[in-house]
Amino acid sequence: MATITDAFMMEMLPKTKSYTIVILQNGPNREMPGADKIIWEHGRNNFSMREEGVLSIVCPVRDESTVCGVGIFNAGVEEVTKLMDEDPGVKAGIFVYTVHPCRSFPGDRLPG
């Protein structure tokens, strides 16, 4: 494992940037008839936000929990809240979400 000095940490910490994390969970209408079609459009919305550069990382969660996904947005809490309120799955009550301000290093990414 690499050795990280205090000096390196002090140099790097000011380089962080604000982001917003969204945690998407099952909503009250998750099992409603037609939910799969609405979830498909939710996915299309995610692809659109990725193309626009506002949704940097999107991670669907497919386990037995109530969490459906996690997204990291390159935007502030207010803007992300507006975007999520317009999401087809959220509007239909299939999903609910929470937003959390966070910080990270610009350029961080998942390994290829």
PDB file of N, CA and C in Angstrom:
ATOM      1  N   MET A   1       0.847  -1.169   0.000  1.00  0.00           N
ATOM      2  CA  MET A   1       0.000   0.000   0.000  1.00  0.00           C
ATOM      3  C   MET A   1       0.900   1.243   0.000  1.00  0.00           C
ATOM      4  N   ALA A   2       0.476   2.266  -0.702  1.00  0.00           N
ATOM      5  CA  ALA A   2       1.246   3.509  -0.807  1.00  0.00           C
ATOM      6  C   ALA A   2       1.303   4.229   0.539  1.00  0.00           C
ATOM      7  N   THR A   3       2.405   4.903   0.771  1.00  0.00           N
ATOM      8  CA  THR A   3       2.554   5.730   1.964  1.00  0.00           C
ATOM      9  C   THR A   3       2.054   7.132   1.630  1.00  0.00           C
ATOM     10  N   ILE A   4       1.123   7.617   2.409  1.00  0.00           N
ATOM     11  CA  ILE A   4       0.543   8.956   2.216  1.00  0.00           C
ATOM     12  C   ILE A   4       0.978   9.817   3.393  1.00  0.00           C
ATOM     13  N   THR A   5       1.680  10.872   3.087  1.00  0.00           N
ATOM     14  CA  THR A   5       2.184  11.751   4.140  1.00  0.00           C
ATOM     15  C   THR A   5       1.133  12.794   4.524  1.00  0.00           C
ATOM     16  N   ASP A   6       1.332  13.388   5.677  1.00  0.00           N
ATOM     17  CA  ASP A   6       0.462  14.486   6.104  1.00  0.00           C
ATOM     18  C   ASP A   6       0.562  15.645   5.117  1.00  0.00           C
ATOM     19  N   ALA A   7       1.771  15.920   4.639  1.00  0.00           N
ATOM     20  CA  ALA A   7       1.965  17.025   3.688  1.00  0.00           C
ATOM     21  C   ALA A   7       1.171  16.786   2.406  1.00  0.00           C
ATOM     22  N   PHE A   8       1.170  15.556   1.916  1.00  0.00           N
ATOM     23  CA  PHE A   8       0.399  15.238   0.716  1.00  0.00           C
ATOM     24  C   PHE A   8      -1.093  15.445   0.966  1.00  0.00           C
ATOM     25  N   MET A   9      -1.559  14.983   2.104  1.00  0.00           N
ATOM     26  CA  MET A   9      -2.976  15.150   2.432  1.00  0.00           C
ATOM     27  C   MET A   9      -3.343  16.629   2.521  1.00  0.00           C
ATOM     28  N   MET A  10      -2.503  17.429   3.162  1.00  0.00           N
ATOM     29  CA  MET A  10      -2.776  18.869   3.288  1.00  0.00           C
ATOM     30  C   MET A  10      -2.782  19.554   1.923  1.00  0.00           C
ATOM     31  N   GLU A  11      -1.975  19.059   1.013  1.00  0.00           N
ATOM     32  CA  GLU A  11      -1.940  19.609  -0.343  1.00  0.00           C
ATOM     33  C   GLU A  11      -3.193  19.215  -1.127  1.00  0.00           C
ATOM     34  N   MET A  12      -3.682  18.008  -0.935  1.00  0.00           N
ATOM     35  CA  MET A  12      -4.798  17.490  -1.727  1.00  0.00           C
ATOM     36  C   MET A  12      -6.174  17.952  -1.239  1.00  0.00           C
ATOM     37  N   LEU A  13      -6.367  18.053   0.053  1.00  0.00           N
ATOM     38  CA  LEU A  13      -7.700  18.357   0.580  1.00  0.00           C
ATOM     39  C   LEU A  13      -8.328  19.629   0.006  1.00  0.00           C
ATOM     40  N   PRO A  14      -7.582  20.705  -0.199  1.00  0.00           N
ATOM     41  CA  PRO A  14      -8.207  21.895  -0.789  1.00  0.00           C
ATOM     42  C   PRO A  14      -8.635  21.709  -2.255  1.00  0.00           C
ATOM     43  N   LYS A  15      -8.231  20.629  -2.874  1.00  0.00           N
ATOM     44  CA  LYS A  15      -8.559  20.386  -4.284  1.00  0.00           C
ATOM     45  C   LYS A  15      -9.896  19.677  -4.458  1.00  0.00           C
ATOM     46  N   THR A  16     -10.548  19.351  -3.344  1.00  0.00           N
ATOM     47  CA  THR A  16     -11.845  18.684  -3.468  1.00  0.00           C
ATOM     48  C   THR A  16     -12.887  19.653  -4.012  1.00  0.00           C
ATOM     49  N   LYS A  17     -13.955  19.086  -4.545  1.00  0.00           N
ATOM     50  CA  LYS A  17     -15.043  19.851  -5.156  1.00  0.00           C
ATOM     51  C   LYS A  17     -16.359  19.337  -4.589  1.00  0.00           C
ATOM     52  N   SER A  18     -17.366  20.188  -4.570  1.00  0.00           N
ATOM     53  CA  SER A  18     -18.690  19.791  -4.088  1.00  0.00           C
ATOM     54  C   SER A  18     -19.424  18.980  -5.143  1.00  0.00           C
ATOM     55  N   TYR A  19     -20.079  17.931  -4.690  1.00  0.00           N
ATOM     56  CA  TYR A  19     -20.945  17.093  -5.513  1.00  0.00           C
ATOM     57  C   TYR A  19     -22.197  16.797  -4.695  1.00  0.00           C
ATOM     58  N   THR A  20     -23.126  16.091  -5.285  1.00  0.00           N
ATOM     59  CA  THR A  20     -24.330  15.679  -4.565  1.00  0.00           C
ATOM     60  C   THR A  20     -24.562  14.195  -4.814  1.00  0.00           C
ATOM     61  N   ILE A  21     -24.789  13.459  -3.739  1.00  0.00           N
ATOM     62  CA  ILE A  21     -25.111  12.030  -3.839  1.00  0.00           C
ATOM     63  C   ILE A  21     -26.622  11.871  -3.693  1.00  0.00           C
ATOM     64  N   VAL A  22     -27.192  11.016  -4.528  1.00  0.00           N
ATOM     65  CA  VAL A  22     -28.600  10.643  -4.410  1.00  0.00           C
ATOM     66  C   VAL A  22     -28.664   9.168  -4.061  1.00  0.00           C
ATOM     67  N   ILE A  23     -29.459   8.845  -3.061  1.00  0.00           N
ATOM     68  CA  ILE A  23     -29.751   7.458  -2.729  1.00  0.00           C
ATOM     69  C   ILE A  23     -31.211   7.228  -3.087  1.00  0.00           C
ATOM     70  N   LEU A  24     -31.420   6.348  -4.049  1.00  0.00           N
ATOM     71  CA  LEU A  24     -32.754   6.045  -4.579  1.00  0.00           C
ATOM     72  C   LEU A  24     -33.270   4.784  -3.899  1.00  0.00           C
ATOM     73  N   GLN A  25     -34.510   4.836  -3.424  1.00  0.00           N
ATOM     74  CA  GLN A  25     -35.103   3.683  -2.753  1.00  0.00           C
ATOM     75  C   GLN A  25     -36.477   3.377  -3.335  1.00  0.00           C
ATOM     76  N   ASN A  26     -36.958   2.163  -3.050  1.00  0.00           N
ATOM     77  CA  ASN A  26     -38.302   1.788  -3.472  1.00  0.00           C
ATOM     78  C   ASN A  26     -39.313   2.768  -2.896  1.00  0.00           C
ATOM     79  N   GLY A  27     -40.250   3.165  -3.732  1.00  0.00           N
ATOM     80  CA  GLY A  27     -41.339   4.014  -3.291  1.00  0.00           C
ATOM     81  C   GLY A  27     -42.604   3.204  -3.073  1.00  0.00           C
ATOM     82  N   PRO A  28     -43.680   3.854  -2.684  1.00  0.00           N
ATOM     83  CA  PRO A  28     -44.922   3.141  -2.377  1.00  0.00           C
ATOM     84  C   PRO A  28     -45.555   2.470  -3.599  1.00  0.00           C
ATOM     85  N   ASN A  29     -45.216   2.916  -4.798  1.00  0.00           N
ATOM     86  CA  ASN A  29     -45.822   2.343  -6.010  1.00  0.00           C
ATOM     87  C   ASN A  29     -44.868   1.441  -6.779  1.00  0.00           C
ATOM     88  N   ARG A  30     -43.847   0.932  -6.116  1.00  0.00           N
ATOM     89  CA  ARG A  30     -42.827   0.127  -6.798  1.00  0.00           C
ATOM     90  C   ARG A  30     -43.412  -1.085  -7.513  1.00  0.00           C
ATOM     91  N   GLU A  31     -44.446  -1.659  -6.987  1.00  0.00           N
ATOM     92  CA  GLU A  31     -45.030  -2.873  -7.579  1.00  0.00           C
ATOM     93  C   GLU A  31     -46.287  -2.595  -8.399  1.00  0.00           C
ATOM     94  N   MET A  32     -46.561  -1.335  -8.717  1.00  0.00           N
ATOM     95  CA  MET A  32     -47.784  -1.014  -9.467  1.00  0.00           C
ATOM     96  C   MET A  32     -47.718  -1.585 -10.882  1.00  0.00           C
ATOM     97  N   PRO A  33     -48.862  -1.886 -11.473  1.00  0.00           N
ATOM     98  CA  PRO A  33     -48.872  -2.338 -12.867  1.00  0.00           C
ATOM     99  C   PRO A  33     -48.246  -1.269 -13.776  1.00  0.00           C
ATOM    100  N   GLY A  34     -47.409  -1.702 -14.701  1.00  0.00           N
ATOM    101  CA  GLY A  34     -46.763  -0.767 -15.619  1.00  0.00           C
ATOM    102  C   GLY A  34     -45.479  -0.152 -15.088  1.00  0.00           C
ATOM    103  N   ALA A  35     -45.059  -0.554 -13.888  1.00  0.00           N
ATOM    104  CA  ALA A  35     -43.856   0.043 -13.291  1.00  0.00           C
ATOM    105  C   ALA A  35     -42.621  -0.183 -14.159  1.00  0.00           C
ATOM    106  N   ASP A  36     -42.520  -1.336 -14.804  1.00  0.00           N
ATOM    107  CA  ASP A  36     -41.330  -1.635 -15.608  1.00  0.00           C
ATOM    108  C   ASP A  36     -41.146  -0.628 -16.741  1.00  0.00           C
ATOM    109  N   LYS A  37     -42.232  -0.210 -17.363  1.00  0.00           N
ATOM    110  CA  LYS A  37     -42.130   0.784 -18.448  1.00  0.00           C
ATOM    111  C   LYS A  37     -41.665   2.132 -17.910  1.00  0.00           C
ATOM    112  N   ILE A  38     -42.144   2.496 -16.734  1.00  0.00           N
ATOM    113  CA  ILE A  38     -41.736   3.766 -16.130  1.00  0.00           C
ATOM    114  C   ILE A  38     -40.276   3.692 -15.694  1.00  0.00           C
ATOM    115  N   ILE A  39     -39.846   2.549 -15.179  1.00  0.00           N
ATOM    116  CA  ILE A  39     -38.445   2.376 -14.792  1.00  0.00           C
ATOM    117  C   ILE A  39     -37.544   2.466 -16.025  1.00  0.00           C
ATOM    118  N   TRP A  40     -38.005   1.958 -17.163  1.00  0.00           N
ATOM    119  CA  TRP A  40     -37.251   2.086 -18.411  1.00  0.00           C
ATOM    120  C   TRP A  40     -37.032   3.565 -18.750  1.00  0.00           C
ATOM    121  N   GLU A  41     -38.080   4.366 -18.576  1.00  0.00           N
ATOM    122  CA  GLU A  41     -37.959   5.804 -18.858  1.00  0.00           C
ATOM    123  C   GLU A  41     -37.079   6.499 -17.815  1.00  0.00           C
ATOM    124  N   HIS A  42     -37.102   6.014 -16.591  1.00  0.00           N
ATOM    125  CA  HIS A  42     -36.178   6.499 -15.562  1.00  0.00           C
ATOM    126  C   HIS A  42     -34.742   6.258 -16.033  1.00  0.00           C
ATOM    127  N   GLY A  43     -34.475   5.078 -16.576  1.00  0.00           N
ATOM    128  CA  GLY A  43     -33.154   4.768 -17.106  1.00  0.00           C
ATOM    129  C   GLY A  43     -32.771   5.693 -18.251  1.00  0.00           C
ATOM    130  N   ARG A  44     -33.724   5.976 -19.130  1.00  0.00           N
ATOM    131  CA  ARG A  44     -33.470   6.902 -20.235  1.00  0.00           C
ATOM    132  C   ARG A  44     -33.100   8.286 -19.683  1.00  0.00           C
ATOM    133  N   ASN A  45     -33.808   8.711 -18.644  1.00  0.00           N
ATOM    134  CA  ASN A  45     -33.512   9.986 -17.994  1.00  0.00           C
ATOM    135  C   ASN A  45     -32.088   9.989 -17.438  1.00  0.00           C
ATOM    136  N   ASN A  46     -31.674   8.874 -16.823  1.00  0.00           N
ATOM    137  CA  ASN A  46     -30.306   8.764 -16.307  1.00  0.00           C
ATOM    138  C   ASN A  46     -29.293   8.897 -17.435  1.00  0.00           C
ATOM    139  N   PHE A  47     -29.527   8.207 -18.549  1.00  0.00           N
ATOM    140  CA  PHE A  47     -28.615   8.306 -19.685  1.00  0.00           C
ATOM    141  C   PHE A  47     -28.530   9.740 -20.193  1.00  0.00           C
ATOM    142  N   SER A  48     -29.657  10.422 -20.224  1.00  0.00           N
ATOM    143  CA  SER A  48     -29.687  11.816 -20.674  1.00  0.00           C
ATOM    144  C   SER A  48     -28.862  12.704 -19.740  1.00  0.00           C
ATOM    145  N   MET A  49     -29.038  12.520 -18.435  1.00  0.00           N
ATOM    146  CA  MET A  49     -28.274  13.328 -17.480  1.00  0.00           C
ATOM    147  C   MET A  49     -26.782  13.006 -17.550  1.00  0.00           C
ATOM    148  N   ARG A  50     -26.439  11.757 -17.839  1.00  0.00           N
ATOM    149  CA  ARG A  50     -25.024  11.397 -18.025  1.00  0.00           C
ATOM    150  C   ARG A  50     -24.457  12.110 -19.244  1.00  0.00           C
ATOM    151  N   GLU A  51     -25.211  12.099 -20.343  1.00  0.00           N
ATOM    152  CA  GLU A  51     -24.757  12.766 -21.565  1.00  0.00           C
ATOM    153  C   GLU A  51     -24.563  14.260 -21.354  1.00  0.00           C
ATOM    154  N   GLU A  52     -25.418  14.854 -20.530  1.00  0.00           N
ATOM    155  CA  GLU A  52     -25.322  16.288 -20.243  1.00  0.00           C
ATOM    156  C   GLU A  52     -24.216  16.607 -19.240  1.00  0.00           C
ATOM    157  N   GLY A  53     -23.650  15.582 -18.612  1.00  0.00           N
ATOM    158  CA  GLY A  53     -22.554  15.782 -17.672  1.00  0.00           C
ATOM    159  C   GLY A  53     -22.979  16.093 -16.255  1.00  0.00           C
ATOM    160  N   VAL A  54     -24.266  16.018 -15.961  1.00  0.00           N
ATOM    161  CA  VAL A  54     -24.726  16.348 -14.613  1.00  0.00           C
ATOM    162  C   VAL A  54     -24.736  15.110 -13.698  1.00  0.00           C
ATOM    163  N   LEU A  55     -24.924  13.925 -14.265  1.00  0.00           N
ATOM    164  CA  LEU A  55     -24.895  12.678 -13.497  1.00  0.00           C
ATOM    165  C   LEU A  55     -23.578  11.979 -13.825  1.00  0.00           C
ATOM    166  N   SER A  56     -22.623  12.108 -12.928  1.00  0.00           N
ATOM    167  CA  SER A  56     -21.271  11.607 -13.193  1.00  0.00           C
ATOM    168  C   SER A  56     -21.158  10.106 -13.030  1.00  0.00           C
ATOM    169  N   ILE A  57     -21.776   9.565 -12.010  1.00  0.00           N
ATOM    170  CA  ILE A  57     -21.714   8.129 -11.747  1.00  0.00           C
ATOM    171  C   ILE A  57     -23.105   7.668 -11.337  1.00  0.00           C
ATOM    172  N   VAL A  58     -23.571   6.601 -11.967  1.00  0.00           N
ATOM    173  CA  VAL A  58     -24.856   6.013 -11.608  1.00  0.00           C
ATOM    174  C   VAL A  58     -24.640   4.529 -11.343  1.00  0.00           C
ATOM    175  N   CYS A  59     -25.124   4.066 -10.205  1.00  0.00           N
ATOM    176  CA  CYS A  59     -24.920   2.681  -9.783  1.00  0.00           C
ATOM    177  C   CYS A  59     -26.248   2.059  -9.369  1.00  0.00           C
ATOM    178  N   PRO A  60     -26.896   1.315 -10.263  1.00  0.00           N
ATOM    179  CA  PRO A  60     -28.079   0.568  -9.841  1.00  0.00           C
ATOM    180  C   PRO A  60     -27.696  -0.453  -8.757  1.00  0.00           C
ATOM    181  N   VAL A  61     -28.571  -0.639  -7.803  1.00  0.00           N
ATOM    182  CA  VAL A  61     -28.350  -1.616  -6.738  1.00  0.00           C
ATOM    183  C   VAL A  61     -29.405  -2.692  -6.910  1.00  0.00           C
ATOM    184  N   ARG A  62     -28.957  -3.919  -7.042  1.00  0.00           N
ATOM    185  CA  ARG A  62     -29.884  -5.031  -7.302  1.00  0.00           C
ATOM    186  C   ARG A  62     -29.707  -6.115  -6.241  1.00  0.00           C
ATOM    187  N   ASP A  63     -29.969  -5.748  -5.005  1.00  0.00           N
ATOM    188  CA  ASP A  63     -29.935  -6.740  -3.941  1.00  0.00           C
ATOM    189  C   ASP A  63     -31.315  -6.785  -3.293  1.00  0.00           C
ATOM    190  N   GLU A  64     -31.414  -7.368  -2.161  1.00  0.00           N
ATOM    191  CA  GLU A  64     -32.716  -7.524  -1.496  1.00  0.00           C
ATOM    192  C   GLU A  64     -33.072  -6.353  -0.592  1.00  0.00           C
ATOM    193  N   SER A  65     -32.273  -5.290  -0.616  1.00  0.00           N
ATOM    194  CA  SER A  65     -32.556  -4.126   0.226  1.00  0.00           C
ATOM    195  C   SER A  65     -33.591  -3.232  -0.454  1.00  0.00           C
ATOM    196  N   THR A  66     -33.946  -2.141   0.204  1.00  0.00           N
ATOM    197  CA  THR A  66     -34.868  -1.171  -0.397  1.00  0.00           C
ATOM    198  C   THR A  66     -34.135  -0.131  -1.239  1.00  0.00           C
ATOM    199  N   VAL A  67     -32.799  -0.181  -1.217  1.00  0.00           N
ATOM    200  CA  VAL A  67     -32.016   0.754  -2.025  1.00  0.00           C
ATOM    201  C   VAL A  67     -32.038   0.275  -3.475  1.00  0.00           C
ATOM    202  N   CYS A  68     -32.360   1.195  -4.384  1.00  0.00           N
ATOM    203  CA  CYS A  68     -32.427   0.875  -5.811  1.00  0.00           C
ATOM    204  C   CYS A  68     -31.219   1.381  -6.571  1.00  0.00           C
ATOM    205  N   GLY A  69     -30.569   2.411  -6.039  1.00  0.00           N
ATOM    206  CA  GLY A  69     -29.421   2.949  -6.738  1.00  0.00           C
ATOM    207  C   GLY A  69     -28.786   4.099  -5.997  1.00  0.00           C
ATOM    208  N   VAL A  70     -27.581   4.432  -6.464  1.00  0.00           N
ATOM    209  CA  VAL A  70     -26.813   5.555  -5.938  1.00  0.00           C
ATOM    210  C   VAL A  70     -26.297   6.333  -7.133  1.00  0.00           C
ATOM    211  N   GLY A  71     -26.417   7.643  -7.080  1.00  0.00           N
ATOM    212  CA  GLY A  71     -25.884   8.489  -8.134  1.00  0.00           C
ATOM    213  C   GLY A  71     -25.045   9.602  -7.550  1.00  0.00           C
ATOM    214  N   ILE A  72     -23.981   9.957  -8.255  1.00  0.00           N
ATOM    215  CA  ILE A  72     -23.161  11.099  -7.869  1.00  0.00           C
ATOM    216  C   ILE A  72     -23.314  12.151  -8.958  1.00  0.00           C
ATOM    217  N   PHE A  73     -23.821  13.306  -8.553  1.00  0.00           N
ATOM    218  CA  PHE A  73     -24.147  14.384  -9.480  1.00  0.00           C
ATOM    219  C   PHE A  73     -23.120  15.498  -9.402  1.00  0.00           C
ATOM    220  N   ASN A  74     -22.816  16.047 -10.542  1.00  0.00           N
ATOM    221  CA  ASN A  74     -21.926  17.198 -10.670  1.00  0.00           C
ATOM    222  C   ASN A  74     -22.788  18.468 -10.642  1.00  0.00           C
ATOM    223  N   ALA A  75     -23.516  18.631  -9.549  1.00  0.00           N
ATOM    224  CA  ALA A  75     -24.440  19.759  -9.389  1.00  0.00           C
ATOM    225  C   ALA A  75     -24.773  19.890  -7.912  1.00  0.00           C
ATOM    226  N   GLY A  76     -25.327  21.025  -7.560  1.00  0.00           N
ATOM    227  CA  GLY A  76     -25.699  21.282  -6.174  1.00  0.00           C
ATOM    228  C   GLY A  76     -27.002  20.610  -5.772  1.00  0.00           C
ATOM    229  N   VAL A  77     -27.256  20.603  -4.483  1.00  0.00           N
ATOM    230  CA  VAL A  77     -28.437  19.941  -3.921  1.00  0.00           C
ATOM    231  C   VAL A  77     -29.724  20.481  -4.542  1.00  0.00           C
ATOM    232  N   GLU A  78     -29.850  21.793  -4.677  1.00  0.00           N
ATOM    233  CA  GLU A  78     -31.084  22.375  -5.235  1.00  0.00           C
ATOM    234  C   GLU A  78     -31.350  21.897  -6.647  1.00  0.00           C
ATOM    235  N   GLU A  79     -30.329  21.951  -7.497  1.00  0.00           N
ATOM    236  CA  GLU A  79     -30.499  21.519  -8.891  1.00  0.00           C
ATOM    237  C   GLU A  79     -30.813  20.032  -8.966  1.00  0.00           C
ATOM    238  N   VAL A  80     -30.111  19.231  -8.175  1.00  0.00           N
ATOM    239  CA  VAL A  80     -30.345  17.789  -8.191  1.00  0.00           C
ATOM    240  C   VAL A  80     -31.749  17.468  -7.700  1.00  0.00           C
ATOM    241  N   THR A  81     -32.209  18.171  -6.688  1.00  0.00           N
ATOM    242  CA  THR A  81     -33.571  17.959  -6.187  1.00  0.00           C
ATOM    243  C   THR A  81     -34.590  18.256  -7.289  1.00  0.00           C
ATOM    244  N   LYS A  82     -34.408  19.331  -8.021  1.00  0.00           N
ATOM    245  CA  LYS A  82     -35.318  19.651  -9.130  1.00  0.00           C
ATOM    246  C   LYS A  82     -35.284  18.563 -10.191  1.00  0.00           C
ATOM    247  N   LEU A  83     -34.087  18.097 -10.537  1.00  0.00           N
ATOM    248  CA  LEU A  83     -33.964  17.033 -11.539  1.00  0.00           C
ATOM    249  C   LEU A  83     -34.647  15.756 -11.064  1.00  0.00           C
ATOM    250  N   MET A  84     -34.422  15.391  -9.826  1.00  0.00           N
ATOM    251  CA  MET A  84     -35.012  14.157  -9.310  1.00  0.00           C
ATOM    252  C   MET A  84     -36.527  14.262  -9.183  1.00  0.00           C
ATOM    253  N   ASP A  85     -37.029  15.439  -8.825  1.00  0.00           N
ATOM    254  CA  ASP A  85     -38.479  15.615  -8.733  1.00  0.00           C
ATOM    255  C   ASP A  85     -39.159  15.425 -10.088  1.00  0.00           C
ATOM    256  N   GLU A  86     -38.423  15.629 -11.182  1.00  0.00           N
ATOM    257  CA  GLU A  86     -38.969  15.455 -12.533  1.00  0.00           C
ATOM    258  C   GLU A  86     -38.715  14.059 -13.104  1.00  0.00           C
ATOM    259  N   ASP A  87     -37.992  13.227 -12.386  1.00  0.00           N
ATOM    260  CA  ASP A  87     -37.714  11.873 -12.858  1.00  0.00           C
ATOM    261  C   ASP A  87     -39.021  11.085 -12.974  1.00  0.00           C
ATOM    262  N   PRO A  88     -39.209  10.347 -14.074  1.00  0.00           N
ATOM    263  CA  PRO A  88     -40.470   9.604 -14.246  1.00  0.00           C
ATOM    264  C   PRO A  88     -40.763   8.626 -13.110  1.00  0.00           C
ATOM    265  N   GLY A  89     -39.752   7.942 -12.610  1.00  0.00           N
ATOM    266  CA  GLY A  89     -39.970   6.981 -11.530  1.00  0.00           C
ATOM    267  C   GLY A  89     -40.327   7.644 -10.217  1.00  0.00           C
ATOM    268  N   VAL A  90     -39.744   8.789  -9.960  1.00  0.00           N
ATOM    269  CA  VAL A  90     -40.062   9.539  -8.736  1.00  0.00           C
ATOM    270  C   VAL A  90     -41.470  10.112  -8.846  1.00  0.00           C
ATOM    271  N   LYS A  91     -41.780  10.699  -9.998  1.00  0.00           N
ATOM    272  CA  LYS A  91     -43.110  11.281 -10.184  1.00  0.00           C
ATOM    273  C   LYS A  91     -44.212  10.244 -10.032  1.00  0.00           C
ATOM    274  N   ALA A  92     -43.928   9.000 -10.434  1.00  0.00           N
ATOM    275  CA  ALA A  92     -44.932   7.935 -10.340  1.00  0.00           C
ATOM    276  C   ALA A  92     -44.963   7.281  -8.964  1.00  0.00           C
ATOM    277  N   GLY A  93     -44.062   7.669  -8.072  1.00  0.00           N
ATOM    278  CA  GLY A  93     -44.030   7.064  -6.743  1.00  0.00           C
ATOM    279  C   GLY A  93     -43.372   5.693  -6.721  1.00  0.00           C
ATOM    280  N   ILE A  94     -42.715   5.321  -7.810  1.00  0.00           N
ATOM    281  CA  ILE A  94     -41.999   4.054  -7.854  1.00  0.00           C
ATOM    282  C   ILE A  94     -40.721   4.153  -7.023  1.00  0.00           C
ATOM    283  N   PHE A  95     -40.134   5.341  -7.039  1.00  0.00           N
ATOM    284  CA  PHE A  95     -38.917   5.599  -6.277  1.00  0.00           C
ATOM    285  C   PHE A  95     -39.125   6.794  -5.349  1.00  0.00           C
ATOM    286  N   VAL A  96     -38.399   6.799  -4.260  1.00  0.00           N
ATOM    287  CA  VAL A  96     -38.208   7.971  -3.402  1.00  0.00           C
ATOM    288  C   VAL A  96     -36.700   8.145  -3.291  1.00  0.00           C
ATOM    289  N   TYR A  97     -36.276   9.322  -2.876  1.00  0.00           N
ATOM    290  CA  TYR A  97     -34.839   9.575  -2.842  1.00  0.00           C
ATOM    291  C   TYR A  97     -34.477  10.512  -1.708  1.00  0.00           C
ATOM    292  N   THR A  98     -33.193  10.472  -1.355  1.00  0.00           N
ATOM    293  CA  THR A  98     -32.610  11.466  -0.469  1.00  0.00           C
ATOM    294  C   THR A  98     -31.378  12.027  -1.171  1.00  0.00           C
ATOM    295  N   VAL A  99     -31.089  13.287  -0.895  1.00  0.00           N
ATOM    296  CA  VAL A  99     -29.901  13.927  -1.461  1.00  0.00           C
ATOM    297  C   VAL A  99     -28.952  14.297  -0.326  1.00  0.00           C
ATOM    298  N   HIS A 100     -27.664  14.210  -0.627  1.00  0.00           N
ATOM    299  CA  HIS A 100     -26.640  14.474   0.374  1.00  0.00           C
ATOM    300  C   HIS A 100     -25.491  15.232  -0.273  1.00  0.00           C
ATOM    301  N   PRO A 101     -25.170  16.421   0.223  1.00  0.00           N
ATOM    302  CA  PRO A 101     -23.984  17.111  -0.298  1.00  0.00           C
ATOM    303  C   PRO A 101     -22.741  16.328   0.116  1.00  0.00           C
ATOM    304  N   CYS A 102     -21.758  16.321  -0.752  1.00  0.00           N
ATOM    305  CA  CYS A 102     -20.505  15.640  -0.430  1.00  0.00           C
ATOM    306  C   CYS A 102     -19.361  16.342  -1.156  1.00  0.00           C
ATOM    307  N   ARG A 103     -18.158  15.868  -0.931  1.00  0.00           N
ATOM    308  CA  ARG A 103     -16.970  16.408  -1.599  1.00  0.00           C
ATOM    309  C   ARG A 103     -16.153  15.237  -2.107  1.00  0.00           C
ATOM    310  N   SER A 104     -15.484  15.455  -3.217  1.00  0.00           N
ATOM    311  CA  SER A 104     -14.583  14.451  -3.761  1.00  0.00           C
ATOM    312  C   SER A 104     -13.552  15.152  -4.625  1.00  0.00           C
ATOM    313  N   PHE A 105     -12.685  14.380  -5.195  1.00  0.00           N
ATOM    314  CA  PHE A 105     -11.632  14.932  -6.032  1.00  0.00           C
ATOM    315  C   PHE A 105     -12.081  14.919  -7.490  1.00  0.00           C
ATOM    316  N   PRO A 106     -12.050  16.074  -8.183  1.00  0.00           N
ATOM    317  CA  PRO A 106     -12.374  16.085  -9.599  1.00  0.00           C
ATOM    318  C   PRO A 106     -11.516  15.065 -10.341  1.00  0.00           C
ATOM    319  N   GLY A 107     -12.154  14.343 -11.240  1.00  0.00           N
ATOM    320  CA  GLY A 107     -11.443  13.326 -12.006  1.00  0.00           C
ATOM    321  C   GLY A 107     -11.504  11.941 -11.399  1.00  0.00           C
ATOM    322  N   ASP A 108     -11.993  11.817 -10.155  1.00  0.00           N
ATOM    323  CA  ASP A 108     -12.156  10.467  -9.594  1.00  0.00           C
ATOM    324  C   ASP A 108     -13.094   9.687 -10.499  1.00  0.00           C
ATOM    325  N   ARG A 109     -12.857   8.404 -10.624  1.00  0.00           N
ATOM    326  CA  ARG A 109     -13.684   7.606 -11.519  1.00  0.00           C
ATOM    327  C   ARG A 109     -13.607   6.137 -11.096  1.00  0.00           C
ATOM    328  N   LEU A 110     -14.545   5.377 -11.590  1.00  0.00           N
ATOM    329  CA  LEU A 110     -14.519   3.939 -11.363  1.00  0.00           C
ATOM    330  C   LEU A 110     -13.479   3.317 -12.298  1.00  0.00           C
ATOM    331  N   PRO A 111     -12.788   2.277 -11.853  1.00  0.00           N
ATOM    332  CA  PRO A 111     -11.827   1.638 -12.744  1.00  0.00           C
ATOM    333  C   PRO A 111     -12.538   1.033 -13.953  1.00  0.00           C
ATOM    334  N   GLY A 112     -11.860   1.049 -15.093  1.00  0.00           N
ATOM    335  CA  GLY A 112     -12.439   0.563 -16.355  1.00  0.00           C
ATOM    336  C   GLY A 112     -12.509  -0.903 -16.496  1.00  0.00           C
TER     337      GLY A 112
END
